[in-house]
């Protein structure tokens, strides 16, 4: 198993959120397959970069959602991957 780089981990977290539309932080932690400490680092960075946002429902439950900026990141990331594969780089 290869070690995931920073961008790949960020992409994986954002894709999980995209699949679920909105997800509780604990569920995202489990799905991301990261330690709590590493997850927190990425979580804070994604919030700071405004790729994700945290919302609270009427029952005071916290959920994470993907922002437009996060969605754009996923689209650009996929474009780069496609470029690399197309030119066999």
Protein backbone atom coordinates (compact mmCIF):
# COMPACT_ATOMS: atom_id res chain seq x y z
CA UNK A 1 0.00 0.00 0.00
CA UNK A 2 1.43 3.35 -0.99
CA UNK A 3 1.45 6.42 1.20
CA UNK A 4 -1.02 9.07 0.08
CA UNK A 5 0.30 12.55 -0.54
CA UNK A 6 -1.29 15.66 0.91
CA UNK A 7 -3.32 16.54 -2.20
CA UNK A 8 -4.56 12.99 -2.56
CA UNK A 9 -5.71 12.88 1.07
CA UNK A 10 -7.49 16.21 0.61
CA UNK A 11 -9.11 14.90 -2.56
CA UNK A 12 -10.21 11.72 -0.81
CA UNK A 13 -11.81 13.65 2.07
CA UNK A 14 -13.62 15.99 -0.33
CA UNK A 15 -14.87 13.06 -2.44
CA UNK A 16 -16.30 11.37 0.65
CA UNK A 17 -18.19 14.54 1.52
CA UNK A 18 -19.40 14.86 -2.07
CA UNK A 19 -20.75 11.29 -2.04
CA UNK A 20 -22.69 11.81 1.19
CA UNK A 21 -23.67 15.43 0.45
CA UNK A 22 -23.30 16.14 4.17
CA UNK A 23 -21.63 13.97 6.76
CA UNK A 24 -20.96 13.99 10.49
CA UNK A 25 -17.30 14.63 11.44
CA UNK A 26 -16.92 11.25 13.18
CA UNK A 27 -18.28 9.38 10.16
CA UNK A 28 -15.89 11.32 7.90
CA UNK A 29 -12.97 10.48 10.19
CA UNK A 30 -13.74 6.76 9.89
CA UNK A 31 -14.22 6.90 6.12
CA UNK A 32 -10.99 8.89 5.60
CA UNK A 33 -8.86 6.12 7.17
CA UNK A 34 -6.69 8.69 8.96
CA UNK A 35 -5.63 8.91 12.58
CA UNK A 36 -7.53 11.43 14.66
CA UNK A 37 -4.51 13.75 14.77
CA UNK A 38 -3.91 13.67 11.00
CA UNK A 39 -7.63 14.03 10.30
CA UNK A 40 -7.80 17.12 12.50
CA UNK A 41 -4.87 18.72 10.61
CA UNK A 42 -6.58 18.19 7.25
CA UNK A 43 -9.98 19.18 8.63
CA UNK A 44 -8.65 22.51 9.93
CA UNK A 45 -6.82 23.20 6.67
CA UNK A 46 -9.88 22.41 4.55
CA UNK A 47 -12.01 24.71 6.71
CA UNK A 48 -9.39 27.50 6.52
CA UNK A 49 -9.16 27.16 2.73
CA UNK A 50 -12.98 27.21 2.59
CA UNK A 51 -13.13 23.86 0.76
CA UNK A 52 -15.58 22.60 3.40
CA UNK A 53 -17.96 24.16 5.88
CA UNK A 54 -19.54 22.97 9.10
CA UNK A 55 -23.27 23.41 9.65
CA UNK A 56 -25.51 22.65 12.61
CA UNK A 57 -29.08 21.38 12.25
CA UNK A 58 -32.03 22.07 14.56
CA UNK A 59 -31.01 19.18 16.81
CA UNK A 60 -27.57 20.81 17.26
CA UNK A 61 -25.89 18.01 15.28
CA UNK A 62 -22.79 19.07 13.36
CA UNK A 63 -22.39 18.17 9.69
CA UNK A 64 -19.68 18.86 7.14
CA UNK A 65 -20.60 20.03 3.65
CA UNK A 66 -18.61 20.66 0.50
CA UNK A 67 -18.36 24.28 -0.66
CA UNK A 68 -18.23 25.50 -4.25
CA UNK A 69 -14.49 26.04 -3.82
CA UNK A 70 -14.09 22.42 -2.65
CA UNK A 71 -16.07 21.18 -5.63
CA UNK A 72 -13.89 23.24 -7.96
CA UNK A 73 -10.78 21.71 -6.34
CA UNK A 74 -12.10 18.22 -7.13
CA UNK A 75 -12.78 19.18 -10.75
CA UNK A 76 -9.29 20.69 -11.22
CA UNK A 77 -7.66 17.73 -9.49
CA UNK A 78 -9.39 15.34 -11.88
CA UNK A 79 -8.28 17.48 -14.85
CA UNK A 80 -4.67 17.21 -13.72
CA UNK A 81 -4.95 13.43 -13.26
CA UNK A 82 -6.49 13.11 -16.74
CA UNK A 83 -3.67 15.20 -18.23
CA UNK A 84 -1.01 13.04 -16.54
CA UNK A 85 -2.67 9.83 -17.76
CA UNK A 86 -3.24 11.13 -21.29
CA UNK A 87 0.43 11.99 -21.75
CA UNK A 88 1.66 8.98 -19.77
CA UNK A 89 3.63 11.16 -17.37
